Amino acid sequence: MRIAPASRGDRQAGARTFRSPAAVAVWWVWLAFAVANLIDLAVQGRDHTSAVAAAVLVLITGVIYVTALRPRVVADDAGLTVVNPLRGHRIGWACVAKVDVAELLRVHCEWDRGDGGRGSKTVHAWGIHYSRRRAFAAEARARRTAARRSVPGLPGAAGRGYGYAAAPPATTESEAQKIAGLLDELAATARHDAARAADAAAIGPDGVSQAAAASSPPRASWSPPAIAALALPALLLLVVLLV
């Protein structure tokens, strides 16, 4: 996991994008494979089986697009945008109570409902994965390596210095934890700023308290392009099968 390069619009807005480089690589490898096969089918295929194969390739391409290329988390000055396969979530910083990882990155949201109560919701980000099993195995390997290097005469100790233990290599799990920690720090800073703004009764240009606006509940919306990327190829495949 890493911070992906921001687009031109993201750079102008001060946004940072977090996503899985492995998932993006899967998308481009599959896209190259699918395009090559579609060209081959267009040149050589002249029967119903070729048409079905082409429709299946397009459908799989849609599935990989929504599950590999789309998922990401974008952090900007106002909050987080969690882009999942079919839906997106917009979360103001003051609404973010905690960010952690458990299989996926989780954004724990809390906000004032206006009736004296508190609302809560957890948004899972598909773009950042975390495996407790792999994290435990990596920590165990790091401890064993450190123990060998700290004892003279054991394999791996020579030439590395007595008592010296190299930092463990970065893994997907360690990077996911770093991302969660960074987002959690940003949220804590935003909550602190919102509290100060509330104390000062800061009012925005539209006459709305900035603290109140920031603590509004997360907004979720469906993505028409993502839905179309699945629905249209599925419809195409159905038509080809029925013809």
C-alpha atoms as a PDB file:
ATOM      1  CA  MET A   1       0.000   0.000   0.000  1.00  0.00           C
ATOM      2  CA  ARG A   2       1.226   3.483  -0.727  1.00  0.00           C
ATOM      3  CA  ILE A   3       0.142   7.028  -1.327  1.00  0.00           C
ATOM      4  CA  ALA A   4      -0.686   7.140  -5.007  1.00  0.00           C
ATOM      5  CA  PRO A   5       0.252  10.200  -7.025  1.00  0.00           C
ATOM      6  CA  ALA A   6      -2.513  12.773  -6.947  1.00  0.00           C
ATOM      7  CA  SER A   7      -4.221  13.934 -10.093  1.00  0.00           C
ATOM      8  CA  ARG A   8      -3.937  17.546 -11.233  1.00  0.00           C
ATOM      9  CA  GLY A   9      -7.232  18.381  -9.540  1.00  0.00           C
ATOM     10  CA  ASP A  10      -6.154  16.649  -6.340  1.00  0.00           C
ATOM     11  CA  ARG A  11      -2.879  18.560  -6.249  1.00  0.00           C
ATOM     12  CA  GLN A  12      -4.704  21.850  -6.610  1.00  0.00           C
ATOM     13  CA  ALA A  13      -7.038  20.935  -3.739  1.00  0.00           C
ATOM     14  CA  GLY A  14      -4.212  19.648  -1.521  1.00  0.00           C
ATOM     15  CA  ALA A  15      -5.647  16.129  -1.630  1.00  0.00           C
ATOM     16  CA  ARG A  16      -3.749  12.881  -1.100  1.00  0.00           C
ATOM     17  CA  THR A  17      -4.875   9.569  -2.545  1.00  0.00           C
ATOM     18  CA  PHE A  18      -4.360   6.215  -0.823  1.00  0.00           C
ATOM     19  CA  ARG A  19      -4.864   3.002  -2.791  1.00  0.00           C
ATOM     20  CA  SER A  20      -3.384  -0.435  -3.407  1.00  0.00           C
ATOM     21  CA  PRO A  21      -0.681  -0.400  -6.121  1.00  0.00           C
ATOM     22  CA  ALA A  22      -1.109  -4.180  -6.497  1.00  0.00           C
ATOM     23  CA  ALA A  23      -4.796  -3.731  -7.369  1.00  0.00           C
ATOM     24  CA  VAL A  24      -3.943  -1.043  -9.927  1.00  0.00           C
ATOM     25  CA  ALA A  25      -1.312  -3.350 -11.449  1.00  0.00           C
ATOM     26  CA  VAL A  26      -3.898  -6.143 -11.694  1.00  0.00           C
ATOM     27  CA  TRP A  27      -6.211  -3.772 -13.556  1.00  0.00           C
ATOM     28  CA  TRP A  28      -3.613  -2.758 -16.161  1.00  0.00           C
ATOM     29  CA  VAL A  29      -2.388  -6.322 -16.688  1.00  0.00           C
ATOM     30  CA  TRP A  30      -5.953  -7.542 -17.191  1.00  0.00           C
ATOM     31  CA  LEU A  31      -6.793  -4.613 -19.470  1.00  0.00           C
ATOM     32  CA  ALA A  32      -3.832  -5.424 -21.728  1.00  0.00           C
ATOM     33  CA  PHE A  33      -4.860  -9.105 -21.765  1.00  0.00           C
ATOM     34  CA  ALA A  34      -8.505  -8.295 -22.520  1.00  0.00           C
ATOM     35  CA  VAL A  35      -7.693  -5.833 -25.310  1.00  0.00           C
ATOM     36  CA  ALA A  36      -5.328  -8.314 -26.974  1.00  0.00           C
ATOM     37  CA  ASN A  37      -7.938 -11.064 -26.853  1.00  0.00           C
ATOM     38  CA  LEU A  38     -10.746  -8.806 -28.085  1.00  0.00           C
ATOM     39  CA  ILE A  39      -8.607  -7.789 -31.066  1.00  0.00           C
ATOM     40  CA  ASP A  40      -7.883 -11.450 -31.795  1.00  0.00           C
ATOM     41  CA  LEU A  41     -11.589 -12.325 -31.573  1.00  0.00           C
ATOM     42  CA  ALA A  42     -12.494  -9.410 -33.858  1.00  0.00           C
ATOM     43  CA  VAL A  43      -9.971 -10.552 -36.465  1.00  0.00           C
ATOM     44  CA  GLN A  44     -10.468 -14.313 -36.338  1.00  0.00           C
ATOM     45  CA  GLY A  45     -13.763 -14.963 -34.593  1.00  0.00           C
ATOM     46  CA  ARG A  46     -16.827 -15.303 -36.784  1.00  0.00           C
ATOM     47  CA  ASP A  47     -19.104 -17.614 -34.758  1.00  0.00           C
ATOM     48  CA  HIS A  48     -21.434 -17.431 -31.766  1.00  0.00           C
ATOM     49  CA  THR A  49     -18.797 -18.821 -29.389  1.00  0.00           C
ATOM     50  CA  SER A  50     -16.474 -15.921 -30.211  1.00  0.00           C
ATOM     51  CA  ALA A  51     -19.252 -13.430 -29.495  1.00  0.00           C
ATOM     52  CA  VAL A  52     -19.920 -15.062 -26.109  1.00  0.00           C
ATOM     53  CA  ALA A  53     -16.206 -15.040 -25.280  1.00  0.00           C
ATOM     54  CA  ALA A  54     -15.968 -11.340 -26.162  1.00  0.00           C
ATOM     55  CA  ALA A  55     -18.978 -10.510 -23.977  1.00  0.00           C
ATOM     56  CA  VAL A  56     -17.485 -12.475 -21.074  1.00  0.00           C
ATOM     57  CA  LEU A  57     -14.193 -10.572 -21.437  1.00  0.00           C
ATOM     58  CA  VAL A  58     -16.016  -7.246 -21.332  1.00  0.00           C
ATOM     59  CA  LEU A  59     -17.996  -8.308 -18.248  1.00  0.00           C
ATOM     60  CA  ILE A  60     -14.864  -9.441 -16.393  1.00  0.00           C
ATOM     61  CA  THR A  61     -13.196  -6.162 -17.331  1.00  0.00           C
ATOM     62  CA  GLY A  62     -16.085  -4.290 -15.728  1.00  0.00           C
ATOM     63  CA  VAL A  63     -15.800  -6.379 -12.559  1.00  0.00           C
ATOM     64  CA  ILE A  64     -12.048  -5.763 -12.271  1.00  0.00           C
ATOM     65  CA  TYR A  65     -12.548  -2.052 -12.945  1.00  0.00           C
ATOM     66  CA  VAL A  66     -14.968  -1.586 -10.040  1.00  0.00           C
ATOM     67  CA  THR A  67     -13.107  -3.884  -7.622  1.00  0.00           C
ATOM     68  CA  ALA A  68      -9.464  -3.028  -8.434  1.00  0.00           C
ATOM     69  CA  LEU A  69      -9.170   0.388 -10.080  1.00  0.00           C
ATOM     70  CA  ARG A  70     -11.976   2.347  -8.397  1.00  0.00           C
ATOM     71  CA  PRO A  71     -11.394   1.698  -4.661  1.00  0.00           C
ATOM     72  CA  ARG A  72      -9.327   4.418  -2.984  1.00  0.00           C
ATOM     73  CA  VAL A  73      -9.354   6.886  -0.108  1.00  0.00           C
ATOM     74  CA  VAL A  74      -8.832  10.595  -0.803  1.00  0.00           C
ATOM     75  CA  ALA A  75      -7.944  12.950   2.049  1.00  0.00           C
ATOM     76  CA  ASP A  76      -8.264  16.712   1.557  1.00  0.00           C
ATOM     77  CA  ASP A  77      -8.601  19.770   3.756  1.00  0.00           C
ATOM     78  CA  ALA A  78     -12.320  19.226   4.338  1.00  0.00           C
ATOM     79  CA  GLY A  79     -12.408  15.478   5.014  1.00  0.00           C
ATOM     80  CA  LEU A  80     -12.256  12.002   3.522  1.00  0.00           C
ATOM     81  CA  THR A  81     -13.748  10.567   0.361  1.00  0.00           C
ATOM     82  CA  VAL A  82     -13.974   6.767   0.513  1.00  0.00           C
ATOM     83  CA  VAL A  83     -14.493   5.335  -2.969  1.00  0.00           C
ATOM     84  CA  ASN A  84     -15.715   1.728  -2.915  1.00  0.00           C
ATOM     85  CA  PRO A  85     -16.685  -0.478  -5.875  1.00  0.00           C
ATOM     86  CA  LEU A  86     -20.235   0.841  -6.304  1.00  0.00           C
ATOM     87  CA  ARG A  87     -20.604   3.588  -3.711  1.00  0.00           C
ATOM     88  CA  GLY A  88     -18.745   6.622  -2.453  1.00  0.00           C
ATOM     89  CA  HIS A  89     -18.763   8.141   1.027  1.00  0.00           C
ATOM     90  CA  ARG A  90     -17.962  11.746   1.889  1.00  0.00           C
ATOM     91  CA  ILE A  91     -16.948  12.245   5.528  1.00  0.00           C
ATOM     92  CA  GLY A  92     -16.059  15.558   7.160  1.00  0.00           C
ATOM     93  CA  TRP A  93     -13.005  15.467   9.420  1.00  0.00           C
ATOM     94  CA  ALA A  94     -14.940  16.451  12.547  1.00  0.00           C
ATOM     95  CA  CYS A  95     -17.207  13.443  11.964  1.00  0.00           C
ATOM     96  CA  VAL A  96     -14.258  11.004  12.044  1.00  0.00           C
ATOM     97  CA  ALA A  97     -13.990   9.535  15.553  1.00  0.00           C
ATOM     98  CA  LYS A  98     -11.280   6.961  14.782  1.00  0.00           C
ATOM     99  CA  VAL A  99      -9.529   5.269  11.866  1.00  0.00           C
ATOM    100  CA  ASP A 100      -8.173   1.720  12.200  1.00  0.00           C
ATOM    101  CA  VAL A 101      -7.648  -1.468  10.199  1.00  0.00           C
ATOM    102  CA  ALA A 102      -9.365  -4.860  10.423  1.00  0.00           C
ATOM    103  CA  GLU A 103      -9.309  -6.723   7.081  1.00  0.00           C
ATOM    104  CA  LEU A 104     -10.184  -3.339   5.528  1.00  0.00           C
ATOM    105  CA  LEU A 105      -9.467   0.192   6.663  1.00  0.00           C
ATOM    106  CA  ARG A 106     -12.348   1.378   8.845  1.00  0.00           C
ATOM    107  CA  VAL A 107     -13.514   4.948   9.401  1.00  0.00           C
ATOM    108  CA  HIS A 108     -15.573   5.215  12.590  1.00  0.00           C
ATOM    109  CA  CYS A 109     -17.948   8.170  12.330  1.00  0.00           C
ATOM    110  CA  GLU A 110     -19.825   9.995  15.099  1.00  0.00           C
ATOM    111  CA  TRP A 111     -21.939  13.127  14.860  1.00  0.00           C
ATOM    112  CA  ASP A 112     -24.581  15.140  16.697  1.00  0.00           C
ATOM    113  CA  ARG A 113     -28.082  14.282  15.487  1.00  0.00           C
ATOM    114  CA  GLY A 114     -29.522  17.633  16.600  1.00  0.00           C
ATOM    115  CA  ASP A 115     -31.941  16.106  19.112  1.00  0.00           C
ATOM    116  CA  GLY A 116     -29.367  15.728  21.855  1.00  0.00           C
ATOM    117  CA  GLY A 117     -28.292  12.267  20.707  1.00  0.00           C
ATOM    118  CA  ARG A 118     -25.285  10.998  18.825  1.00  0.00           C
ATOM    119  CA  GLY A 119     -25.245   9.137  15.521  1.00  0.00           C
ATOM    120  CA  SER A 120     -22.585   6.601  14.596  1.00  0.00           C
ATOM    121  CA  LYS A 121     -21.543   4.611  11.551  1.00  0.00           C
ATOM    122  CA  THR A 122     -18.500   2.661  10.358  1.00  0.00           C
ATOM    123  CA  VAL A 123     -17.407   3.069   6.739  1.00  0.00           C
ATOM    124  CA  HIS A 124     -15.155   0.345   5.299  1.00  0.00           C
ATOM    125  CA  ALA A 125     -12.639   1.322   2.621  1.00  0.00           C
ATOM    126  CA  TRP A 126     -12.066  -1.378  -0.010  1.00  0.00           C
ATOM    127  CA  GLY A 127      -8.966   0.380  -1.303  1.00  0.00           C
ATOM    128  CA  ILE A 128      -6.815  -0.451   1.739  1.00  0.00           C
ATOM    129  CA  HIS A 129      -6.532  -4.073   2.865  1.00  0.00           C
ATOM    130  CA  TYR A 130      -5.091  -5.525   6.055  1.00  0.00           C
ATOM    131  CA  SER A 131      -4.559  -9.150   7.090  1.00  0.00           C
ATOM    132  CA  ARG A 132      -4.063  -9.870  10.797  1.00  0.00           C
ATOM    133  CA  ARG A 133      -2.595 -13.269   9.939  1.00  0.00           C
ATOM    134  CA  ARG A 134       0.043 -11.833   7.595  1.00  0.00           C
ATOM    135  CA  ALA A 135       0.798  -9.018  10.050  1.00  0.00           C
ATOM    136  CA  PHE A 136       1.357 -11.530  12.866  1.00  0.00           C
ATOM    137  CA  ALA A 137       3.595 -13.683  10.628  1.00  0.00           C
ATOM    138  CA  ALA A 138       5.671 -10.635   9.598  1.00  0.00           C
ATOM    139  CA  GLU A 139       6.121  -9.567  13.220  1.00  0.00           C
ATOM    140  CA  ALA A 140       7.176 -13.096  14.193  1.00  0.00           C
ATOM    141  CA  ARG A 141       9.766 -13.198  11.379  1.00  0.00           C
ATOM    142  CA  ALA A 142      11.104  -9.795  12.418  1.00  0.00           C
ATOM    143  CA  ARG A 143      11.468 -10.931  16.045  1.00  0.00           C
ATOM    144  CA  ARG A 144      13.307 -14.113  15.024  1.00  0.00           C
ATOM    145  CA  THR A 145      15.649 -12.158  12.745  1.00  0.00           C
ATOM    146  CA  ALA A 146      16.375  -9.622  15.496  1.00  0.00           C
ATOM    147  CA  ALA A 147      17.068 -12.424  17.980  1.00  0.00           C
ATOM    148  CA  ARG A 148      19.543 -14.145  15.614  1.00  0.00           C
ATOM    149  CA  ARG A 149      21.387 -10.917  14.901  1.00  0.00           C
ATOM    150  CA  SER A 150      21.719 -10.092  18.590  1.00  0.00           C
ATOM    151  CA  VAL A 151      23.557 -13.344  19.424  1.00  0.00           C
ATOM    152  CA  PRO A 152      27.172 -13.720  18.159  1.00  0.00           C
ATOM    153  CA  GLY A 153      27.908 -16.941  16.302  1.00  0.00           C
ATOM    154  CA  LEU A 154      24.386 -17.536  15.018  1.00  0.00           C
ATOM    155  CA  PRO A 155      23.720 -17.491  11.261  1.00  0.00           C
ATOM    156  CA  GLY A 156      22.994 -13.962  10.136  1.00  0.00           C
ATOM    157  CA  ALA A 157      24.833 -12.320  13.034  1.00  0.00           C
ATOM    158  CA  ALA A 158      28.280 -12.072  11.458  1.00  0.00           C
ATOM    159  CA  GLY A 159      29.112  -8.790   9.828  1.00  0.00           C
ATOM    160  CA  ARG A 160      25.986  -7.046  11.088  1.00  0.00           C
ATOM    161  CA  GLY A 161      27.177  -5.830  14.434  1.00  0.00           C
ATOM    162  CA  TYR A 162      26.478  -7.214  17.886  1.00  0.00           C
ATOM    163  CA  GLY A 163      23.056  -6.211  19.161  1.00  0.00           C
ATOM    164  CA  TYR A 164      22.057  -4.582  15.899  1.00  0.00           C
ATOM    165  CA  ALA A 165      18.643  -5.381  14.416  1.00  0.00           C
ATOM    166  CA  ALA A 166      17.693  -4.035  11.021  1.00  0.00           C
ATOM    167  CA  ALA A 167      14.265  -2.537  10.586  1.00  0.00           C
ATOM    168  CA  PRO A 168      11.761  -5.052   9.194  1.00  0.00           C
ATOM    169  CA  PRO A 169      10.844  -4.570   5.539  1.00  0.00           C
ATOM    170  CA  ALA A 170       7.672  -2.677   4.760  1.00  0.00           C
ATOM    171  CA  THR A 171       4.620  -4.848   4.104  1.00  0.00           C
ATOM    172  CA  THR A 172       1.087  -4.187   2.944  1.00  0.00           C
ATOM    173  CA  GLU A 173      -0.074  -4.536   6.541  1.00  0.00           C
ATOM    174  CA  SER A 174       2.518  -2.119   7.959  1.00  0.00           C
ATOM    175  CA  GLU A 175       1.683   0.418   5.251  1.00  0.00           C
ATOM    176  CA  ALA A 176      -2.045   0.044   5.994  1.00  0.00           C
ATOM    177  CA  GLN A 177      -1.353   0.721   9.677  1.00  0.00           C
ATOM    178  CA  LYS A 178       0.672   3.820   8.782  1.00  0.00           C
ATOM    179  CA  ILE A 179      -2.136   5.119   6.575  1.00  0.00           C
ATOM    180  CA  ALA A 180      -4.700   4.517   9.336  1.00  0.00           C
ATOM    181  CA  GLY A 181      -2.451   6.309  11.842  1.00  0.00           C
ATOM    182  CA  LEU A 182      -1.962   9.285   9.536  1.00  0.00           C
ATOM    183  CA  LEU A 183      -5.684   9.637   8.840  1.00  0.00           C
ATOM    184  CA  ASP A 184      -6.444   9.299  12.542  1.00  0.00           C
ATOM    185  CA  GLU A 185      -3.996  12.134  13.320  1.00  0.00           C
ATOM    186  CA  LEU A 186      -5.544  14.346  10.648  1.00  0.00           C
ATOM    187  CA  ALA A 187      -9.004  13.679  12.087  1.00  0.00           C
ATOM    188  CA  ALA A 188      -7.840  14.482  15.630  1.00  0.00           C
ATOM    189  CA  THR A 189      -6.366  17.777  14.435  1.00  0.00           C
ATOM    190  CA  ALA A 190      -9.580  18.626  12.606  1.00  0.00           C
ATOM    191  CA  ARG A 191     -11.689  17.866  15.687  1.00  0.00           C
ATOM    192  CA  HIS A 192      -9.471  20.141  17.742  1.00  0.00           C
ATOM    193  CA  ASP A 193      -9.801  22.931  15.182  1.00  0.00           C
ATOM    194  CA  ALA A 194     -13.586  22.411  15.047  1.00  0.00           C
ATOM    195  CA  ALA A 195     -13.813  22.704  18.825  1.00  0.00           C
ATOM    196  CA  ARG A 196     -11.884  25.971  18.726  1.00  0.00           C
ATOM    197  CA  ALA A 197     -14.116  27.212  15.934  1.00  0.00           C
ATOM    198  CA  ALA A 198     -17.197  26.346  17.967  1.00  0.00           C
ATOM    199  CA  ASP A 199     -15.836  28.244  20.970  1.00  0.00           C
ATOM    200  CA  ALA A 200     -15.245  31.265  18.744  1.00  0.00           C
ATOM    201  CA  ALA A 201     -18.693  30.828  17.106  1.00  0.00           C
ATOM    202  CA  ALA A 202     -17.069  30.868  13.687  1.00  0.00           C
ATOM    203  CA  ILE A 203     -19.584  31.586  10.966  1.00  0.00           C
ATOM    204  CA  GLY A 204     -18.877  30.839   7.322  1.00  0.00           C
ATOM    205  CA  PRO A 205     -19.696  33.076   4.358  1.00  0.00           C
ATOM    206  CA  ASP A 206     -23.015  31.265   3.895  1.00  0.00           C
ATOM    207  CA  GLY A 207     -24.059  31.974   7.470  1.00  0.00           C
ATOM    208  CA  VAL A 208     -23.543  28.376   8.621  1.00  0.00           C
ATOM    209  CA  SER A 209     -21.310  27.510  11.552  1.00  0.00           C
ATOM    210  CA  GLN A 210     -18.222  25.778  10.199  1.00  0.00           C
ATOM    211  CA  ALA A 211     -18.075  23.478  13.217  1.00  0.00           C
ATOM    212  CA  ALA A 212     -21.684  22.425  12.671  1.00  0.00           C
ATOM    213  CA  ALA A 213     -21.100  21.806   8.985  1.00  0.00           C
ATOM    214  CA  ALA A 214     -18.004  19.708   9.655  1.00  0.00           C
ATOM    215  CA  SER A 215     -19.838  17.491  12.174  1.00  0.00           C
ATOM    216  CA  SER A 216     -22.628  16.545   9.788  1.00  0.00           C
ATOM    217  CA  PRO A 217     -23.143  12.786   9.114  1.00  0.00           C
ATOM    218  CA  PRO A 218     -21.301  11.077   6.251  1.00  0.00           C
ATOM    219  CA  ARG A 219     -22.975  11.219   2.851  1.00  0.00           C
ATOM    220  CA  ALA A 220     -23.159   8.117   0.688  1.00  0.00           C
ATOM    221  CA  SER A 221     -23.972   7.975  -3.016  1.00  0.00           C
ATOM    222  CA  TRP A 222     -24.113   5.317  -5.716  1.00  0.00           C
ATOM    223  CA  SER A 223     -21.770   5.600  -8.690  1.00  0.00           C
ATOM    224  CA  PRO A 224     -23.652   5.473 -12.042  1.00  0.00           C
ATOM    225  CA  PRO A 225     -20.436   4.781 -14.049  1.00  0.00           C
ATOM    226  CA  ALA A 226     -19.541   1.842 -11.804  1.00  0.00           C
ATOM    227  CA  ILE A 227     -23.040   0.397 -12.003  1.00  0.00           C
ATOM    228  CA  ALA A 228     -23.020   0.836 -15.786  1.00  0.00           C
ATOM    229  CA  ALA A 229     -19.626  -0.909 -15.983  1.00  0.00           C
ATOM    230  CA  LEU A 230     -21.312  -4.023 -14.576  1.00  0.00           C
ATOM    231  CA  ALA A 231     -24.881  -3.739 -15.857  1.00  0.00           C
ATOM    232  CA  LEU A 232     -24.163  -3.000 -19.518  1.00  0.00           C
ATOM    233  CA  PRO A 233     -21.703  -5.900 -20.066  1.00  0.00           C
ATOM    234  CA  ALA A 234     -24.060  -8.232 -18.179  1.00  0.00           C
ATOM    235  CA  LEU A 235     -26.922  -7.151 -20.443  1.00  0.00           C
ATOM    236  CA  LEU A 236     -24.695  -7.592 -23.496  1.00  0.00           C
ATOM    237  CA  LEU A 237     -23.770 -11.117 -22.414  1.00  0.00           C
ATOM    238  CA  LEU A 238     -27.446 -11.976 -21.830  1.00  0.00           C
ATOM    239  CA  VAL A 239     -28.384 -10.733 -25.295  1.00  0.00           C
ATOM    240  CA  VAL A 240     -25.547 -12.698 -26.928  1.00  0.00           C
ATOM    241  CA  LEU A 241     -26.547 -15.876 -25.092  1.00  0.00           C
ATOM    242  CA  LEU A 242     -30.192 -15.524 -26.125  1.00  0.00           C
ATOM    243  CA  VAL A 243     -29.501 -14.754 -29.784  1.00  0.00           C
END
